[in-house]
C-alpha atoms as a PDB file:
ATOM      1  CA  MET A   1      87.719-103.089 -30.661  1.00  0.00           C
ATOM      2  CA  TRP A   2      91.221-102.213 -31.900  1.00  0.00           C
ATOM      3  CA  LYS A   3      93.786-104.956 -32.309  1.00  0.00           C
ATOM      4  CA  THR A   4      97.036-104.330 -30.481  1.00  0.00           C
ATOM      5  CA  GLY A   5      99.396-105.961 -32.947  1.00  0.00           C
ATOM      6  CA  LEU A   6     102.650-104.671 -34.347  1.00  0.00           C
ATOM      7  CA  LEU A   7     101.046-103.827 -37.690  1.00  0.00           C
ATOM      8  CA  ASN A   8      98.274-101.818 -36.087  1.00  0.00           C
ATOM      9  CA  SER A   9     100.622 -99.832 -33.862  1.00  0.00           C
ATOM     10  CA  LYS A  10     102.919 -99.249 -36.825  1.00  0.00           C
ATOM     11  CA  PHE A  11     100.135 -97.634 -38.863  1.00  0.00           C
ATOM     12  CA  TYR A  12      98.652 -95.638 -35.971  1.00  0.00           C
ATOM     13  CA  GLY A  13     101.346 -92.960 -36.218  1.00  0.00           C
ATOM     14  CA  PHE A  14     101.057 -92.988 -39.997  1.00  0.00           C
ATOM     15  CA  LYS A  15      97.299 -92.388 -39.760  1.00  0.00           C
ATOM     16  CA  ALA A  16      97.833 -89.519 -37.329  1.00  0.00           C
ATOM     17  CA  ILE A  17     100.316 -87.864 -39.694  1.00  0.00           C
ATOM     18  CA  ILE A  18      97.939 -88.260 -42.636  1.00  0.00           C
ATOM     19  CA  VAL A  19      95.049 -86.732 -40.676  1.00  0.00           C
ATOM     20  CA  CYS A  20      97.206 -83.774 -39.554  1.00  0.00           C
ATOM     21  CA  LEU A  21      98.435 -83.138 -43.096  1.00  0.00           C
ATOM     22  CA  LEU A  22      94.905 -83.296 -44.487  1.00  0.00           C
ATOM     23  CA  LEU A  23      93.697 -80.837 -41.848  1.00  0.00           C
ATOM     24  CA  PHE A  24      96.553 -78.440 -42.675  1.00  0.00           C
ATOM     25  CA  ASN A  25      95.751 -78.721 -46.394  1.00  0.00           C
ATOM     26  CA  ILE A  26      92.070 -78.002 -45.801  1.00  0.00           C
ATOM     27  CA  LEU A  27      92.915 -75.116 -43.465  1.00  0.00           C
ATOM     28  CA  SER A  28      95.256 -73.594 -46.055  1.00  0.00           C
ATOM     29  CA  LEU A  29      92.573 -73.851 -48.738  1.00  0.00           C
ATOM     30  CA  PHE A  30      90.068 -72.119 -46.458  1.00  0.00           C
ATOM     31  CA  ALA A  31      92.584 -69.374 -45.699  1.00  0.00           C
ATOM     32  CA  ILE A  32      93.377 -68.762 -49.356  1.00  0.00           C
ATOM     33  CA  TYR A  33      89.708 -68.944 -50.332  1.00  0.00           C
ATOM     34  CA  SER A  34      88.732 -66.392 -47.694  1.00  0.00           C
ATOM     35  CA  SER A  35      91.627 -64.065 -48.549  1.00  0.00           C
ATOM     36  CA  LEU A  36      90.604 -64.054 -52.220  1.00  0.00           C
ATOM     37  CA  HIS A  37      87.133 -62.726 -51.442  1.00  0.00           C
ATOM     38  CA  LEU A  38      86.936 -58.988 -51.965  1.00  0.00           C
ATOM     39  CA  GLY A  39      83.624 -57.228 -51.611  1.00  0.00           C
ATOM     40  CA  GLY A  40      81.692 -60.509 -51.617  1.00  0.00           C
ATOM     41  CA  GLU A  41      83.214 -61.554 -54.930  1.00  0.00           C
ATOM     42  CA  PHE A  42      85.701 -64.396 -55.437  1.00  0.00           C
ATOM     43  CA  ARG A  43      88.747 -63.078 -57.291  1.00  0.00           C
ATOM     44  CA  ASP A  44      91.954 -64.605 -58.584  1.00  0.00           C
ATOM     45  CA  GLU A  45      90.615 -68.108 -59.083  1.00  0.00           C
ATOM     46  CA  GLU A  46      93.946 -69.019 -60.694  1.00  0.00           C
ATOM     47  CA  THR A  47      95.783 -68.737 -57.362  1.00  0.00           C
ATOM     48  CA  PHE A  48      93.263 -71.041 -55.710  1.00  0.00           C
ATOM     49  CA  ARG A  49      93.651 -73.606 -58.519  1.00  0.00           C
ATOM     50  CA  LYS A  50      97.445 -73.427 -58.252  1.00  0.00           C
ATOM     51  CA  GLN A  51      97.243 -74.147 -54.526  1.00  0.00           C
ATOM     52  CA  ILE A  52      95.094 -77.221 -55.170  1.00  0.00           C
ATOM     53  CA  ILE A  53      97.528 -78.431 -57.841  1.00  0.00           C
ATOM     54  CA  TRP A  54     100.506 -77.992 -55.490  1.00  0.00           C
ATOM     55  CA  ILE A  55      98.690 -79.879 -52.730  1.00  0.00           C
ATOM     56  CA  VAL A  56      98.027 -82.787 -55.100  1.00  0.00           C
ATOM     57  CA  VAL A  57     101.639 -82.761 -56.354  1.00  0.00           C
ATOM     58  CA  SER A  58     102.957 -82.714 -52.794  1.00  0.00           C
ATOM     59  CA  TRP A  59     100.780 -85.710 -51.849  1.00  0.00           C
ATOM     60  CA  VAL A  60     102.103 -87.657 -54.840  1.00  0.00           C
ATOM     61  CA  ILE A  61     105.689 -86.824 -53.842  1.00  0.00           C
ATOM     62  CA  LEU A  62     104.923 -87.774 -50.224  1.00  0.00           C
ATOM     63  CA  ILE A  63     103.591 -91.170 -51.310  1.00  0.00           C
ATOM     64  CA  ILE A  64     106.576 -91.817 -53.581  1.00  0.00           C
ATOM     65  CA  PHE A  65     109.127 -90.936 -50.894  1.00  0.00           C
ATOM     66  CA  SER A  66     107.278 -92.920 -48.231  1.00  0.00           C
ATOM     67  CA  LEU A  67     107.574 -96.041 -50.385  1.00  0.00           C
ATOM     68  CA  ILE A  68     111.376 -95.743 -50.539  1.00  0.00           C
ATOM     69  CA  ASN A  69     113.243 -97.637 -47.840  1.00  0.00           C
ATOM     70  CA  TYR A  70     114.586 -95.159 -45.274  1.00  0.00           C
ATOM     71  CA  ARG A  71     117.974 -96.923 -45.239  1.00  0.00           C
ATOM     72  CA  LEU A  72     118.579 -95.568 -48.725  1.00  0.00           C
ATOM     73  CA  TYR A  73     118.430 -92.047 -47.282  1.00  0.00           C
ATOM     74  CA  TYR A  74     120.933 -93.090 -44.629  1.00  0.00           C
ATOM     75  CA  ASP A  75     123.261 -94.453 -47.308  1.00  0.00           C
ATOM     76  CA  LEU A  76     122.992 -91.222 -49.301  1.00  0.00           C
ATOM     77  CA  ALA A  77     123.406 -88.911 -46.288  1.00  0.00           C
ATOM     78  CA  PHE A  78     127.040 -87.918 -46.944  1.00  0.00           C
ATOM     79  CA  PHE A  79     126.403 -87.336 -50.639  1.00  0.00           C
ATOM     80  CA  LEU A  80     123.354 -85.184 -49.869  1.00  0.00           C
ATOM     81  CA  TYR A  81     125.288 -83.279 -47.207  1.00  0.00           C
ATOM     82  CA  PHE A  82     128.074 -82.370 -49.619  1.00  0.00           C
ATOM     83  CA  LEU A  83     125.565 -81.562 -52.355  1.00  0.00           C
ATOM     84  CA  ASN A  84     123.904 -79.102 -49.961  1.00  0.00           C
ATOM     85  CA  LEU A  85     127.279 -77.555 -49.141  1.00  0.00           C
ATOM     86  CA  ILE A  86     127.994 -77.098 -52.849  1.00  0.00           C
ATOM     87  CA  LEU A  87     124.589 -75.497 -53.363  1.00  0.00           C
ATOM     88  CA  LEU A  88     125.167 -73.135 -50.448  1.00  0.00           C
ATOM     89  CA  LEU A  89     128.538 -72.093 -51.825  1.00  0.00           C
ATOM     90  CA  SER A  90     127.138 -71.680 -55.318  1.00  0.00           C
ATOM     91  CA  VAL A  91     124.633 -69.133 -53.985  1.00  0.00           C
ATOM     92  CA  SER A  92     127.583 -66.926 -53.042  1.00  0.00           C
ATOM     93  CA  PHE A  93     128.951 -66.984 -56.578  1.00  0.00           C
ATOM     94  CA  PHE A  94     125.974 -67.507 -58.880  1.00  0.00           C
ATOM     95  CA  GLY A  95     122.990 -66.493 -56.750  1.00  0.00           C
ATOM     96  CA  LYS A  96     120.414 -63.902 -57.703  1.00  0.00           C
ATOM     97  CA  SER A  97     119.759 -60.965 -55.409  1.00  0.00           C
ATOM     98  CA  ALA A  98     116.235 -60.268 -54.231  1.00  0.00           C
ATOM     99  CA  MET A  99     115.028 -57.936 -51.471  1.00  0.00           C
ATOM    100  CA  GLY A 100     118.543 -56.960 -50.499  1.00  0.00           C
ATOM    101  CA  ALA A 101     119.955 -60.478 -50.112  1.00  0.00           C
ATOM    102  CA  GLN A 102     121.681 -62.893 -52.444  1.00  0.00           C
ATOM    103  CA  ARG A 103     119.868 -66.148 -51.770  1.00  0.00           C
ATOM    104  CA  TRP A 104     118.326 -67.604 -54.915  1.00  0.00           C
ATOM    105  CA  LEU A 105     119.610 -70.067 -57.497  1.00  0.00           C
ATOM    106  CA  SER A 106     118.060 -70.359 -60.908  1.00  0.00           C
ATOM    107  CA  PHE A 107     118.277 -73.607 -62.936  1.00  0.00           C
ATOM    108  CA  PHE A 108     116.418 -74.152 -66.206  1.00  0.00           C
ATOM    109  CA  GLY A 109     113.783 -71.545 -65.356  1.00  0.00           C
ATOM    110  CA  LEU A 110     113.206 -72.799 -61.796  1.00  0.00           C
ATOM    111  CA  THR A 111     114.262 -70.544 -58.953  1.00  0.00           C
ATOM    112  CA  PHE A 112     114.920 -71.967 -55.518  1.00  0.00           C
END
């Protein structure tokens, strides 16, 4: 029988989010795995490995950010807002063009 305490109800939503994220990760791996099969042969194993690495990295980042008190994000909201505005404006001046639109910034070899 489930306990109906504050702690249990607090972690119920957390468990649901974790289960949904795990299901999406598994579904994405199945989709990539099936799309990399050509003629009954598994090709481009490197792409599949990269996807697994990114899933692991994203889970580590998720855990780190979930341990930070959410009030810190509230305190940094104005700073982050203005940082985003600066980044948006910098795309107009320093952005790279791709596929007919200027929408990418490149810093130290990383493009976002």
